[in-house]
Amino acid sequence: MNLLQRLRGDSSTGRPIPVPVDDVFQLLRNRRRRIIICRVSELEPEESTSIGAIAEWIVSIETGDPLGQYSADERKAVYVTLMQTHLEPLSDSGLIEWDPNSGEIRRGEGIDVLADLIEDVSERAAASEAGA
């Protein structure tokens, strides 16, 4: 199955994405949004996480430092960009459920399909780089 079929929700998978294809590419063009999608997709349906926990996860990935081994300023900078730039588009698309008042983040519809796509593309890119 090709990428476009996967994005449209091929009937054999029964896993459509409730977001127009152009919007999917717009959402996925930013690395932090891809990280958010992958991290939130790991949650159980009844679980939630916080903006702070997502910010810590992103800082850890971006700096290469273990969780908690970075400065408060680094965490705050990521936290602010999450609030101002990244969470609202993901929430508006329905991929995540985000309550701006509580800061709680939950899985939304179609997030698993996008997380799988991100993982697939990342693995293929890593294999390509390793073979280069």
N, C-alpha and C. Protein backbone atom coordinates (compact mmCIF):
# COMPACT_ATOMS: atom_id res chain seq x y z
N MET A 1 0.85 -1.16 0.00
CA MET A 1 0.00 0.00 0.00
C MET A 1 0.90 1.24 0.00
N ASN A 2 0.58 2.21 -0.84
CA ASN A 2 1.42 3.41 -0.89
C ASN A 2 1.01 4.43 0.17
N LEU A 3 1.84 5.46 0.29
CA LEU A 3 1.63 6.47 1.33
C LEU A 3 0.26 7.14 1.21
N LEU A 4 -0.13 7.51 0.01
CA LEU A 4 -1.41 8.20 -0.17
C LEU A 4 -2.58 7.30 0.24
N GLN A 5 -2.51 6.02 -0.09
CA GLN A 5 -3.56 5.09 0.32
C GLN A 5 -3.62 4.99 1.83
N ARG A 6 -2.45 4.96 2.48
CA ARG A 6 -2.42 4.88 3.95
C ARG A 6 -3.02 6.13 4.56
N LEU A 7 -2.70 7.29 4.00
CA LEU A 7 -3.23 8.54 4.54
C LEU A 7 -4.75 8.64 4.37
N ARG A 8 -5.25 8.10 3.29
CA ARG A 8 -6.69 8.14 3.04
C ARG A 8 -7.45 7.09 3.84
N GLY A 9 -6.74 6.10 4.35
CA GLY A 9 -7.40 5.05 5.13
C GLY A 9 -7.90 3.94 4.25
N ASP A 10 -7.00 3.23 3.62
CA ASP A 10 -7.33 2.09 2.78
C ASP A 10 -8.30 1.17 3.52
N SER A 11 -9.27 0.67 2.80
CA SER A 11 -10.31 -0.14 3.43
C SER A 11 -9.76 -1.42 4.06
N SER A 12 -8.60 -1.90 3.59
CA SER A 12 -8.06 -3.13 4.18
C SER A 12 -7.51 -2.89 5.58
N THR A 13 -7.16 -1.66 5.92
CA THR A 13 -6.65 -1.39 7.26
C THR A 13 -7.74 -0.93 8.20
N GLY A 14 -8.76 -0.29 7.67
CA GLY A 14 -9.82 0.23 8.52
C GLY A 14 -9.35 1.34 9.44
N ARG A 15 -8.25 1.99 9.08
CA ARG A 15 -7.65 3.01 9.94
C ARG A 15 -7.52 4.34 9.20
N PRO A 16 -8.62 4.99 8.91
CA PRO A 16 -8.51 6.28 8.21
C PRO A 16 -7.98 7.37 9.14
N ILE A 17 -7.40 8.39 8.54
CA ILE A 17 -6.94 9.56 9.27
C ILE A 17 -7.98 10.66 9.04
N PRO A 18 -8.50 11.24 10.11
CA PRO A 18 -9.58 12.23 9.96
C PRO A 18 -9.05 13.62 9.62
N VAL A 19 -7.96 13.69 8.86
CA VAL A 19 -7.31 14.95 8.53
C VAL A 19 -7.03 14.94 7.03
N PRO A 20 -7.33 16.04 6.32
CA PRO A 20 -6.99 16.09 4.89
C PRO A 20 -5.49 15.88 4.67
N VAL A 21 -5.14 15.26 3.54
CA VAL A 21 -3.76 14.90 3.25
C VAL A 21 -2.83 16.11 3.34
N ASP A 22 -3.21 17.25 2.76
CA ASP A 22 -2.35 18.44 2.81
C ASP A 22 -2.10 18.87 4.25
N ASP A 23 -3.12 18.76 5.09
CA ASP A 23 -2.96 19.12 6.51
C ASP A 23 -2.01 18.16 7.22
N VAL A 24 -2.06 16.88 6.85
CA VAL A 24 -1.15 15.91 7.44
C VAL A 24 0.29 16.32 7.18
N PHE A 25 0.59 16.66 5.93
CA PHE A 25 1.96 17.05 5.60
C PHE A 25 2.35 18.34 6.30
N GLN A 26 1.43 19.25 6.44
CA GLN A 26 1.71 20.50 7.17
C GLN A 26 2.02 20.20 8.64
N LEU A 27 1.25 19.33 9.24
CA LEU A 27 1.47 18.97 10.64
C LEU A 27 2.79 18.24 10.85
N LEU A 28 3.14 17.38 9.90
CA LEU A 28 4.33 16.54 10.06
C LEU A 28 5.63 17.24 9.67
N ARG A 29 5.56 18.43 9.13
CA ARG A 29 6.79 19.08 8.67
C ARG A 29 7.67 19.55 9.82
N ASN A 30 7.13 19.61 11.02
CA ASN A 30 7.90 20.07 12.17
C ASN A 30 8.29 18.89 13.05
N ARG A 31 9.59 18.82 13.39
CA ARG A 31 10.10 17.70 14.18
C ARG A 31 9.42 17.59 15.55
N ARG A 32 9.19 18.71 16.21
CA ARG A 32 8.56 18.64 17.53
C ARG A 32 7.15 18.07 17.45
N ARG A 33 6.44 18.39 16.40
CA ARG A 33 5.09 17.81 16.25
C ARG A 33 5.19 16.31 16.02
N ARG A 34 6.17 15.89 15.25
CA ARG A 34 6.36 14.45 15.04
C ARG A 34 6.67 13.75 16.36
N ILE A 35 7.50 14.38 17.18
CA ILE A 35 7.82 13.81 18.49
C ILE A 35 6.56 13.72 19.35
N ILE A 36 5.76 14.77 19.36
CA ILE A 36 4.51 14.77 20.14
C ILE A 36 3.61 13.64 19.68
N ILE A 37 3.43 13.50 18.37
CA ILE A 37 2.56 12.44 17.84
C ILE A 37 3.05 11.07 18.29
N CYS A 38 4.35 10.83 18.16
CA CYS A 38 4.89 9.52 18.54
C CYS A 38 4.76 9.27 20.03
N ARG A 39 5.03 10.28 20.84
CA ARG A 39 4.95 10.10 22.30
C ARG A 39 3.51 9.88 22.76
N VAL A 40 2.59 10.68 22.26
CA VAL A 40 1.19 10.56 22.68
C VAL A 40 0.59 9.24 22.17
N SER A 41 1.04 8.78 21.02
CA SER A 41 0.52 7.50 20.49
C SER A 41 0.89 6.33 21.39
N GLU A 42 1.92 6.49 22.23
CA GLU A 42 2.33 5.42 23.14
C GLU A 42 1.42 5.31 24.37
N LEU A 43 0.58 6.31 24.59
CA LEU A 43 -0.33 6.29 25.73
C LEU A 43 -1.45 5.30 25.51
N GLU A 44 -1.92 4.71 26.58
CA GLU A 44 -3.12 3.89 26.51
C GLU A 44 -4.32 4.83 26.31
N PRO A 45 -5.42 4.33 25.74
CA PRO A 45 -6.57 5.21 25.48
C PRO A 45 -7.07 5.99 26.69
N GLU A 46 -6.98 5.41 27.88
CA GLU A 46 -7.49 6.11 29.06
C GLU A 46 -6.43 6.98 29.74
N GLU A 47 -5.19 6.90 29.27
CA GLU A 47 -4.10 7.66 29.86
C GLU A 47 -4.04 9.08 29.31
N SER A 48 -3.37 9.93 30.09
CA SER A 48 -3.08 11.28 29.62
C SER A 48 -1.66 11.62 30.04
N THR A 49 -1.15 12.68 29.47
CA THR A 49 0.15 13.20 29.85
C THR A 49 0.02 14.71 29.97
N SER A 50 1.08 15.35 30.41
CA SER A 50 1.02 16.81 30.59
C SER A 50 1.94 17.50 29.59
N ILE A 51 1.71 18.79 29.43
CA ILE A 51 2.58 19.59 28.57
C ILE A 51 4.00 19.53 29.11
N GLY A 52 4.15 19.61 30.41
CA GLY A 52 5.48 19.56 31.02
C GLY A 52 6.21 18.27 30.70
N ALA A 53 5.50 17.15 30.77
CA ALA A 53 6.12 15.86 30.47
C ALA A 53 6.54 15.79 29.00
N ILE A 54 5.70 16.30 28.11
CA ILE A 54 6.05 16.32 26.68
C ILE A 54 7.25 17.23 26.46
N ALA A 55 7.26 18.40 27.11
CA ALA A 55 8.39 19.33 26.97
C ALA A 55 9.68 18.66 27.42
N GLU A 56 9.65 17.96 28.55
CA GLU A 56 10.83 17.27 29.04
C GLU A 56 11.31 16.21 28.05
N TRP A 57 10.37 15.48 27.48
CA TRP A 57 10.69 14.44 26.51
C TRP A 57 11.40 15.05 25.30
N ILE A 58 10.85 16.16 24.79
CA ILE A 58 11.43 16.82 23.62
C ILE A 58 12.83 17.36 23.94
N VAL A 59 12.99 18.02 25.08
CA VAL A 59 14.31 18.55 25.45
C VAL A 59 15.32 17.41 25.54
N SER A 60 14.93 16.31 26.12
CA SER A 60 15.82 15.16 26.24
C SER A 60 16.26 14.66 24.87
N ILE A 61 15.34 14.58 23.93
CA ILE A 61 15.66 14.13 22.57
C ILE A 61 16.55 15.15 21.87
N GLU A 62 16.21 16.42 21.97
CA GLU A 62 16.96 17.46 21.26
C GLU A 62 18.36 17.68 21.82
N THR A 63 18.53 17.52 23.11
CA THR A 63 19.84 17.76 23.72
C THR A 63 20.67 16.48 23.84
N GLY A 64 19.98 15.34 23.78
CA GLY A 64 20.67 14.08 23.98
C GLY A 64 20.94 13.78 25.45
N ASP A 65 20.41 14.62 26.32
CA ASP A 65 20.60 14.44 27.76
C ASP A 65 19.48 13.57 28.33
N PRO A 66 19.76 12.80 29.37
CA PRO A 66 18.70 12.01 30.01
C PRO A 66 17.61 12.93 30.57
N LEU A 67 16.42 12.38 30.73
CA LEU A 67 15.33 13.15 31.31
C LEU A 67 15.78 13.78 32.62
N GLY A 68 15.53 15.07 32.78
CA GLY A 68 15.88 15.78 34.00
C GLY A 68 17.29 16.31 34.05
N GLN A 69 18.10 16.03 33.03
CA GLN A 69 19.50 16.46 33.04
C GLN A 69 19.74 17.64 32.08
N TYR A 70 18.88 18.62 32.11
CA TYR A 70 18.99 19.79 31.26
C TYR A 70 18.53 20.99 32.07
N SER A 71 18.74 22.16 31.52
CA SER A 71 18.43 23.37 32.29
C SER A 71 16.93 23.68 32.27
N ALA A 72 16.50 24.40 33.28
CA ALA A 72 15.11 24.85 33.35
C ALA A 72 14.79 25.77 32.18
N ASP A 73 15.76 26.54 31.73
CA ASP A 73 15.54 27.43 30.58
C ASP A 73 15.26 26.65 29.30
N GLU A 74 15.97 25.53 29.11
CA GLU A 74 15.74 24.70 27.93
C GLU A 74 14.31 24.13 27.97
N ARG A 75 13.91 23.65 29.13
CA ARG A 75 12.56 23.09 29.27
C ARG A 75 11.50 24.16 29.05
N LYS A 76 11.73 25.34 29.63
CA LYS A 76 10.76 26.43 29.50
C LYS A 76 10.61 26.86 28.04
N ALA A 77 11.72 26.94 27.31
CA ALA A 77 11.67 27.35 25.90
C ALA A 77 10.82 26.37 25.08
N VAL A 78 11.00 25.08 25.33
CA VAL A 78 10.20 24.09 24.62
C VAL A 78 8.74 24.17 25.06
N TYR A 79 8.50 24.29 26.34
CA TYR A 79 7.14 24.39 26.88
C TYR A 79 6.39 25.55 26.20
N VAL A 80 7.05 26.69 26.08
CA VAL A 80 6.41 27.87 25.48
C VAL A 80 6.08 27.61 24.01
N THR A 81 7.00 26.99 23.26
CA THR A 81 6.69 26.72 21.85
C THR A 81 5.57 25.70 21.70
N LEU A 82 5.50 24.76 22.63
CA LEU A 82 4.38 23.81 22.59
C LEU A 82 3.06 24.56 22.74
N MET A 83 3.01 25.45 23.72
CA MET A 83 1.78 26.21 24.00
C MET A 83 1.43 27.15 22.84
N GLN A 84 2.43 27.82 22.29
CA GLN A 84 2.17 28.87 21.30
C GLN A 84 2.09 28.36 19.86
N THR A 85 2.71 27.21 19.59
CA THR A 85 2.85 26.81 18.19
C THR A 85 2.33 25.42 17.85
N HIS A 86 2.57 24.44 18.69
CA HIS A 86 2.39 23.06 18.27
C HIS A 86 1.12 22.36 18.73
N LEU A 87 0.69 22.58 19.95
CA LEU A 87 -0.43 21.80 20.47
C LEU A 87 -1.77 22.16 19.83
N GLU A 88 -1.99 23.42 19.58
CA GLU A 88 -3.27 23.82 19.01
C GLU A 88 -3.53 23.20 17.63
N PRO A 89 -2.58 23.24 16.69
CA PRO A 89 -2.86 22.59 15.40
C PRO A 89 -3.09 21.08 15.52
N LEU A 90 -2.35 20.43 16.39
CA LEU A 90 -2.56 18.99 16.58
C LEU A 90 -3.92 18.72 17.21
N SER A 91 -4.33 19.57 18.12
CA SER A 91 -5.65 19.44 18.74
C SER A 91 -6.77 19.76 17.75
N ASP A 92 -6.59 20.83 17.00
CA ASP A 92 -7.61 21.21 16.00
C ASP A 92 -7.81 20.11 14.96
N SER A 93 -6.74 19.37 14.65
CA SER A 93 -6.83 18.30 13.66
C SER A 93 -7.52 17.06 14.23
N GLY A 94 -7.61 16.98 15.57
CA GLY A 94 -8.21 15.81 16.21
C GLY A 94 -7.21 14.71 16.51
N LEU A 95 -5.93 14.92 16.17
CA LEU A 95 -4.93 13.88 16.43
C LEU A 95 -4.62 13.74 17.91
N ILE A 96 -4.74 14.84 18.64
CA ILE A 96 -4.61 14.80 20.09
C ILE A 96 -5.81 15.52 20.69
N GLU A 97 -6.09 15.21 21.93
CA GLU A 97 -7.06 15.97 22.71
C GLU A 97 -6.26 16.74 23.74
N TRP A 98 -6.34 18.06 23.70
CA TRP A 98 -5.56 18.91 24.58
C TRP A 98 -6.48 19.87 25.30
N ASP A 99 -6.40 19.88 26.62
CA ASP A 99 -7.15 20.83 27.43
C ASP A 99 -6.18 21.93 27.85
N PRO A 100 -6.28 23.13 27.25
CA PRO A 100 -5.34 24.20 27.57
C PRO A 100 -5.42 24.66 29.02
N ASN A 101 -6.55 24.45 29.66
CA ASN A 101 -6.70 24.87 31.06
C ASN A 101 -5.95 23.95 32.01
N SER A 102 -6.07 22.66 31.80
CA SER A 102 -5.39 21.70 32.69
C SER A 102 -4.02 21.30 32.17
N GLY A 103 -3.80 21.50 30.87
CA GLY A 103 -2.55 21.08 30.25
C GLY A 103 -2.51 19.60 29.93
N GLU A 104 -3.63 18.92 30.09
CA GLU A 104 -3.71 17.48 29.87
C GLU A 104 -3.80 17.17 28.37
N ILE A 105 -3.05 16.14 27.96
CA ILE A 105 -3.01 15.72 26.56
C ILE A 105 -3.36 14.24 26.49
N ARG A 106 -4.26 13.90 25.55
CA ARG A 106 -4.67 12.52 25.34
C ARG A 106 -4.58 12.18 23.85
N ARG A 107 -4.66 10.91 23.57
CA ARG A 107 -4.67 10.43 22.18
C ARG A 107 -5.93 10.90 21.48
N GLY A 108 -5.80 11.20 20.20
CA GLY A 108 -6.94 11.52 19.37
C GLY A 108 -7.08 10.48 18.26
N GLU A 109 -8.08 10.68 17.45
CA GLU A 109 -8.37 9.75 16.36
C GLU A 109 -7.29 9.84 15.28
N GLY A 110 -6.83 8.71 14.80
CA GLY A 110 -5.87 8.67 13.70
C GLY A 110 -4.42 8.81 14.10
N ILE A 111 -4.14 9.00 15.37
CA ILE A 111 -2.75 9.24 15.80
C ILE A 111 -1.86 8.02 15.55
N ASP A 112 -2.40 6.83 15.71
CA ASP A 112 -1.59 5.63 15.51
C ASP A 112 -1.11 5.49 14.07
N VAL A 113 -1.96 5.83 13.12
CA VAL A 113 -1.59 5.74 11.71
C VAL A 113 -0.44 6.70 11.42
N LEU A 114 -0.53 7.91 11.92
CA LEU A 114 0.54 8.88 11.69
C LEU A 114 1.82 8.48 12.42
N ALA A 115 1.71 7.98 13.62
CA ALA A 115 2.90 7.53 14.35
C ALA A 115 3.58 6.39 13.59
N ASP A 116 2.78 5.48 13.04
CA ASP A 116 3.34 4.38 12.24
C ASP A 116 4.05 4.92 11.00
N LEU A 117 3.45 5.91 10.34
CA LEU A 117 4.08 6.51 9.16
C LEU A 117 5.40 7.18 9.52
N ILE A 118 5.41 7.91 10.61
CA ILE A 118 6.63 8.59 11.06
C ILE A 118 7.72 7.55 11.33
N GLU A 119 7.35 6.49 12.03
CA GLU A 119 8.32 5.44 12.35
C GLU A 119 8.85 4.79 11.08
N ASP A 120 7.96 4.49 10.14
CA ASP A 120 8.34 3.85 8.88
C ASP A 120 9.32 4.74 8.10
N VAL A 121 8.98 6.01 7.96
CA VAL A 121 9.85 6.94 7.22
C VAL A 121 11.19 7.10 7.94
N SER A 122 11.16 7.20 9.26
CA SER A 122 12.40 7.35 10.03
C SER A 122 13.31 6.13 9.85
N GLU A 123 12.72 4.94 9.89
CA GLU A 123 13.50 3.71 9.72
C GLU A 123 14.10 3.64 8.32
N ARG A 124 13.32 4.02 7.32
CA ARG A 124 13.82 3.98 5.94
C ARG A 124 14.93 5.00 5.74
N ALA A 125 14.78 6.18 6.32
CA ALA A 125 15.82 7.21 6.21
C ALA A 125 17.10 6.76 6.91
N ALA A 126 16.97 6.15 8.08
CA ALA A 126 18.15 5.66 8.81
C ALA A 126 18.84 4.56 8.02
N ALA A 127 18.08 3.67 7.41
CA ALA A 127 18.67 2.59 6.60
C ALA A 127 19.36 3.17 5.38
N SER A 128 18.77 4.18 4.78
CA SER A 128 19.36 4.84 3.63
C SER A 128 20.67 5.52 3.99
N GLU A 129 20.68 6.21 5.14
CA GLU A 129 21.89 6.89 5.60
C GLU A 129 22.99 5.89 5.95
N ALA A 130 22.60 4.77 6.53
CA ALA A 130 23.58 3.75 6.91
C ALA A 130 24.21 3.12 5.67
N GLY A 131 23.42 3.02 4.60
CA GLY A 131 23.92 2.43 3.37
C GLY A 131 24.69 3.41 2.49
N ALA A 132 24.64 4.69 2.83
CA ALA A 132 25.29 5.71 1.99
C ALA A 132 26.77 5.77 2.20
